[in-house]
C-alpha atoms as a PDB file:
ATOM      1  CA  UNK A   1      15.534 -24.391   3.131  1.00  0.00           C
ATOM      2  CA  UNK A   2      13.092 -24.694   0.520  1.00  0.00           C
ATOM      3  CA  UNK A   3      14.141 -25.537  -3.128  1.00  0.00           C
ATOM      4  CA  UNK A   4      11.126 -23.094  -4.173  1.00  0.00           C
ATOM      5  CA  UNK A   5      12.717 -19.714  -3.212  1.00  0.00           C
ATOM      6  CA  UNK A   6       9.986 -18.080  -4.491  1.00  0.00           C
ATOM      7  CA  UNK A   7       7.400 -19.242  -2.182  1.00  0.00           C
ATOM      8  CA  UNK A   8       8.873 -17.611   0.657  1.00  0.00           C
ATOM      9  CA  UNK A   9      11.453 -14.301   1.779  1.00  0.00           C
ATOM     10  CA  UNK A  10      14.641 -15.405   2.586  1.00  0.00           C
ATOM     11  CA  UNK A  11      15.751 -13.614   6.002  1.00  0.00           C
ATOM     12  CA  UNK A  12      19.318 -13.117   6.609  1.00  0.00           C
ATOM     13  CA  UNK A  13      21.610 -11.982   9.145  1.00  0.00           C
ATOM     14  CA  UNK A  14      24.311  -9.158   8.126  1.00  0.00           C
ATOM     15  CA  UNK A  15      26.665 -10.335  10.924  1.00  0.00           C
ATOM     16  CA  UNK A  16      26.772 -13.698  11.378  1.00  0.00           C
ATOM     17  CA  UNK A  17      29.660 -12.991  13.194  1.00  0.00           C
ATOM     18  CA  UNK A  18      28.345 -10.032  15.218  1.00  0.00           C
ATOM     19  CA  UNK A  19      28.274  -6.800  14.426  1.00  0.00           C
ATOM     20  CA  UNK A  20      31.123  -4.387  14.298  1.00  0.00           C
ATOM     21  CA  UNK A  21      31.941  -2.071  17.431  1.00  0.00           C
ATOM     22  CA  UNK A  22      29.657   1.099  16.246  1.00  0.00           C
ATOM     23  CA  UNK A  23      29.609   2.963  19.668  1.00  0.00           C
ATOM     24  CA  UNK A  24      26.164   1.979  19.514  1.00  0.00           C
ATOM     25  CA  UNK A  25      23.613   2.816  22.797  1.00  0.00           C
ATOM     26  CA  UNK A  26      22.863  -0.236  24.164  1.00  0.00           C
ATOM     27  CA  UNK A  27      18.462   0.099  24.093  1.00  0.00           C
ATOM     28  CA  UNK A  28      16.178  -2.868  25.017  1.00  0.00           C
ATOM     29  CA  UNK A  29      15.072  -5.463  22.686  1.00  0.00           C
ATOM     30  CA  UNK A  30      13.914  -5.109  18.793  1.00  0.00           C
ATOM     31  CA  UNK A  31      10.245  -3.179  19.139  1.00  0.00           C
ATOM     32  CA  UNK A  32       7.596  -3.786  16.737  1.00  0.00           C
ATOM     33  CA  UNK A  33       4.594  -1.304  16.592  1.00  0.00           C
ATOM     34  CA  UNK A  34       2.062  -0.030  15.040  1.00  0.00           C
ATOM     35  CA  UNK A  35       0.833   4.041  15.774  1.00  0.00           C
ATOM     36  CA  UNK A  36      -1.641   6.189  15.626  1.00  0.00           C
ATOM     37  CA  UNK A  37      -1.636   6.204  11.725  1.00  0.00           C
ATOM     38  CA  UNK A  38      -1.626   2.926  11.476  1.00  0.00           C
ATOM     39  CA  UNK A  39       1.953   3.010  10.271  1.00  0.00           C
ATOM     40  CA  UNK A  40       4.160  -0.132  11.583  1.00  0.00           C
ATOM     41  CA  UNK A  41       7.670   0.836  12.899  1.00  0.00           C
ATOM     42  CA  UNK A  42      10.362  -1.001  14.137  1.00  0.00           C
ATOM     43  CA  UNK A  43      13.181   0.694  16.822  1.00  0.00           C
ATOM     44  CA  UNK A  44      15.701  -0.807  18.649  1.00  0.00           C
ATOM     45  CA  UNK A  45      17.411  -3.241  16.070  1.00  0.00           C
ATOM     46  CA  UNK A  46      20.706  -4.187  17.201  1.00  0.00           C
ATOM     47  CA  UNK A  47      20.926  -7.611  14.455  1.00  0.00           C
ATOM     48  CA  UNK A  48      20.611  -6.213  11.419  1.00  0.00           C
ATOM     49  CA  UNK A  49      19.075  -7.874   8.517  1.00  0.00           C
ATOM     50  CA  UNK A  50      18.000  -8.707   4.877  1.00  0.00           C
ATOM     51  CA  UNK A  51      14.869  -9.943   3.661  1.00  0.00           C
ATOM     52  CA  UNK A  52      14.537 -11.157  -0.077  1.00  0.00           C
ATOM     53  CA  UNK A  53      11.763 -11.249  -1.753  1.00  0.00           C
ATOM     54  CA  UNK A  54      11.974 -13.456  -5.333  1.00  0.00           C
ATOM     55  CA  UNK A  55       9.569 -12.911  -8.267  1.00  0.00           C
ATOM     56  CA  UNK A  56       8.259 -15.836 -10.091  1.00  0.00           C
ATOM     57  CA  UNK A  57      10.334 -14.889 -12.965  1.00  0.00           C
ATOM     58  CA  UNK A  58      13.341 -12.982 -12.342  1.00  0.00           C
ATOM     59  CA  UNK A  59      14.362 -10.201 -14.718  1.00  0.00           C
ATOM     60  CA  UNK A  60      18.045  -9.535 -13.319  1.00  0.00           C
ATOM     61  CA  UNK A  61      17.563  -6.775 -11.509  1.00  0.00           C
ATOM     62  CA  UNK A  62      18.041  -6.319  -7.873  1.00  0.00           C
ATOM     63  CA  UNK A  63      16.527  -3.139  -5.835  1.00  0.00           C
ATOM     64  CA  UNK A  64      17.747  -3.115  -1.626  1.00  0.00           C
ATOM     65  CA  UNK A  65      14.689  -1.426  -0.068  1.00  0.00           C
ATOM     66  CA  UNK A  66      15.900   1.030   2.621  1.00  0.00           C
ATOM     67  CA  UNK A  67      12.571   2.363   5.360  1.00  0.00           C
ATOM     68  CA  UNK A  68      12.859   5.950   6.889  1.00  0.00           C
ATOM     69  CA  UNK A  69      12.429   6.907  10.066  1.00  0.00           C
ATOM     70  CA  UNK A  70      14.843   9.500  11.422  1.00  0.00           C
ATOM     71  CA  UNK A  71      17.697   7.308  11.816  1.00  0.00           C
ATOM     72  CA  UNK A  72      15.461   6.183  15.287  1.00  0.00           C
ATOM     73  CA  UNK A  73      12.804   4.160  13.796  1.00  0.00           C
ATOM     74  CA  UNK A  74      11.693   2.067  10.863  1.00  0.00           C
ATOM     75  CA  UNK A  75       8.435   2.788   8.757  1.00  0.00           C
ATOM     76  CA  UNK A  76       8.794  -1.186   7.689  1.00  0.00           C
ATOM     77  CA  UNK A  77       5.249  -1.654   5.969  1.00  0.00           C
ATOM     78  CA  UNK A  78       4.387   1.017   3.860  1.00  0.00           C
ATOM     79  CA  UNK A  79       8.208   1.857   3.056  1.00  0.00           C
ATOM     80  CA  UNK A  80       9.579  -1.563   3.181  1.00  0.00           C
ATOM     81  CA  UNK A  81       7.247  -4.633   2.323  1.00  0.00           C
ATOM     82  CA  UNK A  82       4.776  -2.789   0.239  1.00  0.00           C
ATOM     83  CA  UNK A  83       7.349  -1.489  -1.911  1.00  0.00           C
ATOM     84  CA  UNK A  84       8.950  -5.073  -2.572  1.00  0.00           C
ATOM     85  CA  UNK A  85       6.056  -6.464  -2.760  1.00  0.00           C
ATOM     86  CA  UNK A  86       5.292  -4.401  -5.831  1.00  0.00           C
ATOM     87  CA  UNK A  87       8.662  -4.437  -7.744  1.00  0.00           C
ATOM     88  CA  UNK A  88       8.303  -8.297  -7.598  1.00  0.00           C
ATOM     89  CA  UNK A  89       5.392  -8.157  -9.871  1.00  0.00           C
ATOM     90  CA  UNK A  90       7.704  -5.918 -12.398  1.00  0.00           C
ATOM     91  CA  UNK A  91      10.784  -9.082 -12.140  1.00  0.00           C
ATOM     92  CA  UNK A  92      12.536  -7.507  -9.736  1.00  0.00           C
ATOM     93  CA  UNK A  93      14.465  -9.048  -6.865  1.00  0.00           C
ATOM     94  CA  UNK A  94      13.835  -6.875  -3.806  1.00  0.00           C
ATOM     95  CA  UNK A  95      15.707  -6.865  -0.613  1.00  0.00           C
ATOM     96  CA  UNK A  96      14.257  -4.917   2.471  1.00  0.00           C
ATOM     97  CA  UNK A  97      17.245  -3.676   4.558  1.00  0.00           C
ATOM     98  CA  UNK A  98      16.727  -3.793   8.502  1.00  0.00           C
ATOM     99  CA  UNK A  99      19.328  -1.641   9.571  1.00  0.00           C
ATOM    100  CA  UNK A 100      20.633  -0.687  12.675  1.00  0.00           C
ATOM    101  CA  UNK A 101      18.155   2.116  14.541  1.00  0.00           C
ATOM    102  CA  UNK A 102      18.386   4.380  16.751  1.00  0.00           C
ATOM    103  CA  UNK A 103      22.357   4.802  15.894  1.00  0.00           C
ATOM    104  CA  UNK A 104      24.891   6.698  14.202  1.00  0.00           C
ATOM    105  CA  UNK A 105      24.565   7.202  10.572  1.00  0.00           C
ATOM    106  CA  UNK A 106      27.472   5.286   9.808  1.00  0.00           C
ATOM    107  CA  UNK A 107      26.756   2.197  11.452  1.00  0.00           C
ATOM    108  CA  UNK A 108      23.676   1.681   8.654  1.00  0.00           C
ATOM    109  CA  UNK A 109      25.940   2.670   5.779  1.00  0.00           C
ATOM    110  CA  UNK A 110      28.108  -0.043   7.481  1.00  0.00           C
ATOM    111  CA  UNK A 111      24.686  -2.353   7.262  1.00  0.00           C
ATOM    112  CA  UNK A 112      24.240  -1.326   3.462  1.00  0.00           C
ATOM    113  CA  UNK A 113      27.489  -1.712   2.327  1.00  0.00           C
ATOM    114  CA  UNK A 114      27.030  -5.497   3.902  1.00  0.00           C
ATOM    115  CA  UNK A 115      23.637  -6.331   2.544  1.00  0.00           C
ATOM    116  CA  UNK A 116      25.433  -5.287  -1.454  1.00  0.00           C
ATOM    117  CA  UNK A 117      28.743  -7.665  -0.699  1.00  0.00           C
ATOM    118  CA  UNK A 118      25.973 -10.127   0.491  1.00  0.00           C
ATOM    119  CA  UNK A 119      23.142  -9.594  -2.549  1.00  0.00           C
ATOM    120  CA  UNK A 120      26.441  -9.971  -5.117  1.00  0.00           C
ATOM    121  CA  UNK A 121      27.679 -12.952  -3.704  1.00  0.00           C
ATOM    122  CA  UNK A 122      23.886 -14.486  -4.033  1.00  0.00           C
ATOM    123  CA  UNK A 123      24.006 -13.313  -7.415  1.00  0.00           C
ATOM    124  CA  UNK A 124      23.439 -16.040  -9.331  1.00  0.00           C
ATOM    125  CA  UNK A 125      21.882 -18.046  -7.011  1.00  0.00           C
ATOM    126  CA  UNK A 126      18.654 -15.822  -7.358  1.00  0.00           C
ATOM    127  CA  UNK A 127      19.086 -14.660 -11.124  1.00  0.00           C
ATOM    128  CA  UNK A 128      20.566 -11.308 -10.469  1.00  0.00           C
ATOM    129  CA  UNK A 129      22.897  -9.527 -12.999  1.00  0.00           C
ATOM    130  CA  UNK A 130      25.656  -7.788 -10.590  1.00  0.00           C
ATOM    131  CA  UNK A 131      25.380  -4.955 -12.968  1.00  0.00           C
ATOM    132  CA  UNK A 132      21.754  -3.960 -11.811  1.00  0.00           C
ATOM    133  CA  UNK A 133      22.051  -4.058  -8.363  1.00  0.00           C
ATOM    134  CA  UNK A 134      20.543  -1.271  -7.168  1.00  0.00           C
ATOM    135  CA  UNK A 135      19.205   0.824  -3.930  1.00  0.00           C
ATOM    136  CA  UNK A 136      15.935   2.444  -3.162  1.00  0.00           C
ATOM    137  CA  UNK A 137      15.162   4.756   0.311  1.00  0.00           C
ATOM    138  CA  UNK A 138      12.765   6.876   1.767  1.00  0.00           C
ATOM    139  CA  UNK A 139      13.576  10.023   4.055  1.00  0.00           C
ATOM    140  CA  UNK A 140      16.494   8.814   6.246  1.00  0.00           C
ATOM    141  CA  UNK A 141      16.656   5.839   4.429  1.00  0.00           C
ATOM    142  CA  UNK A 142      16.947   7.965   1.293  1.00  0.00           C
ATOM    143  CA  UNK A 143      19.859   9.872   2.801  1.00  0.00           C
ATOM    144  CA  UNK A 144      21.469   6.136   2.969  1.00  0.00           C
ATOM    145  CA  UNK A 145      20.745   5.460  -0.185  1.00  0.00           C
ATOM    146  CA  UNK A 146      22.717   8.607  -1.561  1.00  0.00           C
ATOM    147  CA  UNK A 147      25.288   8.345   1.438  1.00  0.00           C
ATOM    148  CA  UNK A 148      25.566   4.792  -0.532  1.00  0.00           C
ATOM    149  CA  UNK A 149      26.205   5.896  -3.425  1.00  0.00           C
ATOM    150  CA  UNK A 150      28.901   8.492  -2.986  1.00  0.00           C
ATOM    151  CA  UNK A 151      30.749   6.660  -0.039  1.00  0.00           C
ATOM    152  CA  UNK A 152      29.898   2.949  -0.597  1.00  0.00           C
ATOM    153  CA  UNK A 153      33.418   1.884  -1.402  1.00  0.00           C
ATOM    154  CA  UNK A 154      34.564   3.696   2.327  1.00  0.00           C
ATOM    155  CA  UNK A 155      34.576   0.881   4.332  1.00  0.00           C
ATOM    156  CA  UNK A 156      34.448   1.368   8.106  1.00  0.00           C
ATOM    157  CA  UNK A 157      34.726  -2.337   9.213  1.00  0.00           C
ATOM    158  CA  UNK A 158      37.060  -5.279   8.578  1.00  0.00           C
ATOM    159  CA  UNK A 159      36.201  -6.886   5.121  1.00  0.00           C
ATOM    160  CA  UNK A 160      34.876 -10.300   4.724  1.00  0.00           C
ATOM    161  CA  UNK A 161      35.469 -11.640   1.401  1.00  0.00           C
ATOM    162  CA  UNK A 162      33.113 -13.827   2.030  1.00  0.00           C
ATOM    163  CA  UNK A 163      30.502 -11.764   2.824  1.00  0.00           C
ATOM    164  CA  UNK A 164      31.872  -8.125   1.334  1.00  0.00           C
ATOM    165  CA  UNK A 165      33.193  -6.949  -2.255  1.00  0.00           C
ATOM    166  CA  UNK A 166      35.480  -4.371  -2.724  1.00  0.00           C
ATOM    167  CA  UNK A 167      33.155  -1.678  -3.887  1.00  0.00           C
ATOM    168  CA  UNK A 168      29.576  -2.105  -3.239  1.00  0.00           C
ATOM    169  CA  UNK A 169      28.565   1.103  -4.728  1.00  0.00           C
ATOM    170  CA  UNK A 170      25.039   0.397  -6.425  1.00  0.00           C
ATOM    171  CA  UNK A 171      24.754   0.378  -9.678  1.00  0.00           C
ATOM    172  CA  UNK A 172      21.415   3.077  -9.488  1.00  0.00           C
ATOM    173  CA  UNK A 173      19.821   4.188  -6.891  1.00  0.00           C
ATOM    174  CA  UNK A 174      16.217   5.626  -6.367  1.00  0.00           C
ATOM    175  CA  UNK A 175      16.271   8.146  -3.129  1.00  0.00           C
ATOM    176  CA  UNK A 176      12.551   9.213  -2.492  1.00  0.00           C
ATOM    177  CA  UNK A 177      12.547  12.241  -0.092  1.00  0.00           C
ATOM    178  CA  UNK A 178      15.838  12.094   0.764  1.00  0.00           C
ATOM    179  CA  UNK A 179      16.694  14.063   4.705  1.00  0.00           C
ATOM    180  CA  UNK A 180      19.720  15.531   5.551  1.00  0.00           C
ATOM    181  CA  UNK A 181      20.873  16.589   2.174  1.00  0.00           C
ATOM    182  CA  UNK A 182      21.041  20.483   3.543  1.00  0.00           C
ATOM    183  CA  UNK A 183      20.913  21.844   6.585  1.00  0.00           C
ATOM    184  CA  UNK A 184      17.306  21.613   8.012  1.00  0.00           C
ATOM    185  CA  UNK A 185      15.430  24.938   8.006  1.00  0.00           C
ATOM    186  CA  UNK A 186      17.236  25.953   4.886  1.00  0.00           C
ATOM    187  CA  UNK A 187      16.959  25.688   1.265  1.00  0.00           C
ATOM    188  CA  UNK A 188      20.880  24.723   0.502  1.00  0.00           C
ATOM    189  CA  UNK A 189      23.604  24.320   0.187  1.00  0.00           C
ATOM    190  CA  UNK A 190      23.914  20.720   0.029  1.00  0.00           C
ATOM    191  CA  UNK A 191      25.762  19.327   2.840  1.00  0.00           C
ATOM    192  CA  UNK A 192      29.839  18.666   3.005  1.00  0.00           C
ATOM    193  CA  UNK A 193      29.524  15.592   2.701  1.00  0.00           C
ATOM    194  CA  UNK A 194      27.108  14.997  -0.323  1.00  0.00           C
ATOM    195  CA  UNK A 195      29.925  15.485  -2.810  1.00  0.00           C
ATOM    196  CA  UNK A 196      29.347  13.917  -6.341  1.00  0.00           C
ATOM    197  CA  UNK A 197      31.696  12.092  -8.219  1.00  0.00           C
ATOM    198  CA  UNK A 198      32.154  11.378 -11.861  1.00  0.00           C
ATOM    199  CA  UNK A 199      31.454   8.084 -10.967  1.00  0.00           C
ATOM    200  CA  UNK A 200      28.324   7.893  -8.972  1.00  0.00           C
ATOM    201  CA  UNK A 201      25.558   5.923 -10.444  1.00  0.00           C
ATOM    202  CA  UNK A 202      22.268   7.186 -11.934  1.00  0.00           C
ATOM    203  CA  UNK A 203      19.591   8.534  -9.807  1.00  0.00           C
ATOM    204  CA  UNK A 204      15.929   9.019  -9.896  1.00  0.00           C
ATOM    205  CA  UNK A 205      14.440  11.656  -7.400  1.00  0.00           C
ATOM    206  CA  UNK A 206      10.881  11.317  -6.250  1.00  0.00           C
ATOM    207  CA  UNK A 207       9.985  13.905  -3.948  1.00  0.00           C
ATOM    208  CA  UNK A 208       6.787  16.276  -3.118  1.00  0.00           C
ATOM    209  CA  UNK A 209       6.905  20.062  -3.173  1.00  0.00           C
ATOM    210  CA  UNK A 210       5.016  20.717  -0.183  1.00  0.00           C
ATOM    211  CA  UNK A 211       7.486  18.398   2.032  1.00  0.00           C
ATOM    212  CA  UNK A 212       8.050  20.052   5.324  1.00  0.00           C
ATOM    213  CA  UNK A 213      11.799  18.968   4.966  1.00  0.00           C
ATOM    214  CA  UNK A 214      12.257  20.466   1.445  1.00  0.00           C
ATOM    215  CA  UNK A 215      12.631  19.437  -1.793  1.00  0.00           C
ATOM    216  CA  UNK A 216      15.866  21.592  -2.305  1.00  0.00           C
ATOM    217  CA  UNK A 217      18.478  18.744  -1.419  1.00  0.00           C
ATOM    218  CA  UNK A 218      16.698  16.403  -4.645  1.00  0.00           C
ATOM    219  CA  UNK A 219      17.193  19.709  -6.608  1.00  0.00           C
ATOM    220  CA  UNK A 220      20.614  20.616  -5.204  1.00  0.00           C
ATOM    221  CA  UNK A 221      22.275  16.755  -5.987  1.00  0.00           C
ATOM    222  CA  UNK A 222      20.390  16.759  -9.367  1.00  0.00           C
ATOM    223  CA  UNK A 223      22.144  20.038 -10.530  1.00  0.00           C
ATOM    224  CA  UNK A 224      25.406  18.389  -9.404  1.00  0.00           C
ATOM    225  CA  UNK A 225      24.730  15.285 -11.139  1.00  0.00           C
ATOM    226  CA  UNK A 226      23.692  17.693 -14.383  1.00  0.00           C
ATOM    227  CA  UNK A 227      27.351  19.312 -14.278  1.00  0.00           C
ATOM    228  CA  UNK A 228      28.327  15.672 -14.768  1.00  0.00           C
ATOM    229  CA  UNK A 229      26.666  15.096 -17.104  1.00  0.00           C
ATOM    230  CA  UNK A 230      25.739  11.894 -15.200  1.00  0.00           C
ATOM    231  CA  UNK A 231      21.894  10.232 -15.846  1.00  0.00           C
ATOM    232  CA  UNK A 232      19.828  12.605 -13.734  1.00  0.00           C
ATOM    233  CA  UNK A 233      15.317  11.862 -13.679  1.00  0.00           C
ATOM    234  CA  UNK A 234      13.682  13.836 -10.979  1.00  0.00           C
ATOM    235  CA  UNK A 235       9.813  13.506 -10.366  1.00  0.00           C
ATOM    236  CA  UNK A 236       8.693  16.259  -7.909  1.00  0.00           C
ATOM    237  CA  UNK A 237       4.636  16.331  -6.670  1.00  0.00           C
ATOM    238  CA  UNK A 238       3.078  19.508  -6.124  1.00  0.00           C
ATOM    239  CA  UNK A 239       1.281  17.707  -3.510  1.00  0.00           C
ATOM    240  CA  UNK A 240       2.173  14.704  -1.256  1.00  0.00           C
ATOM    241  CA  UNK A 241       4.144  15.525   2.351  1.00  0.00           C
ATOM    242  CA  UNK A 242       6.508  13.532   3.600  1.00  0.00           C
ATOM    243  CA  UNK A 243       6.423   9.551   4.141  1.00  0.00           C
ATOM    244  CA  UNK A 244       3.959   9.010   1.715  1.00  0.00           C
ATOM    245  CA  UNK A 245       5.573   6.092   1.113  1.00  0.00           C
ATOM    246  CA  UNK A 246       2.807   3.369  -0.883  1.00  0.00           C
ATOM    247  CA  UNK A 247       0.138   5.211   1.074  1.00  0.00           C
ATOM    248  CA  UNK A 248      -2.615   6.118  -1.413  1.00  0.00           C
ATOM    249  CA  UNK A 249      -3.720  10.245  -0.745  1.00  0.00           C
ATOM    250  CA  UNK A 250      -5.590  10.430  -4.225  1.00  0.00           C
ATOM    251  CA  UNK A 251      -2.980  12.508  -5.653  1.00  0.00           C
ATOM    252  CA  UNK A 252      -0.996  11.907  -8.595  1.00  0.00           C
ATOM    253  CA  UNK A 253       2.159  11.078  -6.348  1.00  0.00           C
ATOM    254  CA  UNK A 254       0.461   7.996  -5.741  1.00  0.00           C
ATOM    255  CA  UNK A 255       2.184   6.870  -8.946  1.00  0.00           C
ATOM    256  CA  UNK A 256       5.304   7.401  -8.376  1.00  0.00           C
ATOM    257  CA  UNK A 257       6.343   3.422  -7.721  1.00  0.00           C
ATOM    258  CA  UNK A 258       4.861   3.050 -11.748  1.00  0.00           C
ATOM    259  CA  UNK A 259       6.999   6.141 -12.578  1.00  0.00           C
ATOM    260  CA  UNK A 260      10.347   4.687 -11.279  1.00  0.00           C
ATOM    261  CA  UNK A 261       9.696   1.042 -12.993  1.00  0.00           C
ATOM    262  CA  UNK A 262       9.627   3.085 -16.162  1.00  0.00           C
ATOM    263  CA  UNK A 263      12.862   4.955 -15.220  1.00  0.00           C
ATOM    264  CA  UNK A 264      14.115   1.685 -14.839  1.00  0.00           C
ATOM    265  CA  UNK A 265      13.066  -0.066 -18.165  1.00  0.00           C
ATOM    266  CA  UNK A 266      14.077   3.325 -19.810  1.00  0.00           C
ATOM    267  CA  UNK A 267      17.810   2.643 -18.520  1.00  0.00           C
ATOM    268  CA  UNK A 268      18.069  -0.870 -19.585  1.00  0.00           C
ATOM    269  CA  UNK A 269      17.809  -2.487 -16.122  1.00  0.00           C
ATOM    270  CA  UNK A 270      15.123  -4.730 -16.459  1.00  0.00           C
ATOM    271  CA  UNK A 271      15.931  -6.071 -19.621  1.00  0.00           C
ATOM    272  CA  UNK A 272      20.270  -5.822 -18.962  1.00  0.00           C
ATOM    273  CA  UNK A 273      20.373  -3.973 -22.685  1.00  0.00           C
ATOM    274  CA  UNK A 274      21.982  -0.311 -22.506  1.00  0.00           C
ATOM    275  CA  UNK A 275      19.485   2.138 -23.667  1.00  0.00           C
ATOM    276  CA  UNK A 276      21.414   5.139 -23.264  1.00  0.00           C
END
């Protein structure tokens, strides 16, 4: 491994001793394709990994990035690598999660829990403040982000103290057009597993009002946060649809990640200073 850790992304297998038994169906080997809209899609992921993007001048913040894709594929570029590259320009260590797909949702949660544990174990080496490790996810990855915030300490695999931590719940989270918060085709209520606790981490929610998957889940989640006086910022753009990620539309929604970085700064995540 090069001593210049900022030169190239670092790739780590999440389960060096083998993935937990998960009920995941046997699939063909991993497949990478670009669809007719130019979207890079990865599927048949059975050996999950995380890729670490180091900034030249790390400020101590880290974000685990989770692409969307309905828990069937991963939109790996405009909801993944492009996001990581943007965050590193702001001093954030960005870690891209390639979680198992297609698979049951609890399998993706296992991968997120393990990745967060590994980030904690490497925190000193990568100049990360363990109290400033966050998570950002899109659509299904946004659902995974919410579920990790609410159920991160509920482990369904044997803990490995060399790779895991007791409670891998992120310190903050950015769910972007999160899916599966309400029953599809309805405007609510929140599904029964979306149960906010007093200890749930602060959120910055991003959605478009014209999203066919409905922004109501984000609104209802924000209401649950408000009831508990947990910091929660909500950005709902009039236009943007679903799946915009880092794609430019010539609309105000194009600046969503700039607003997220401003929120991170206002909350002290970029500086290590509690601004609340």
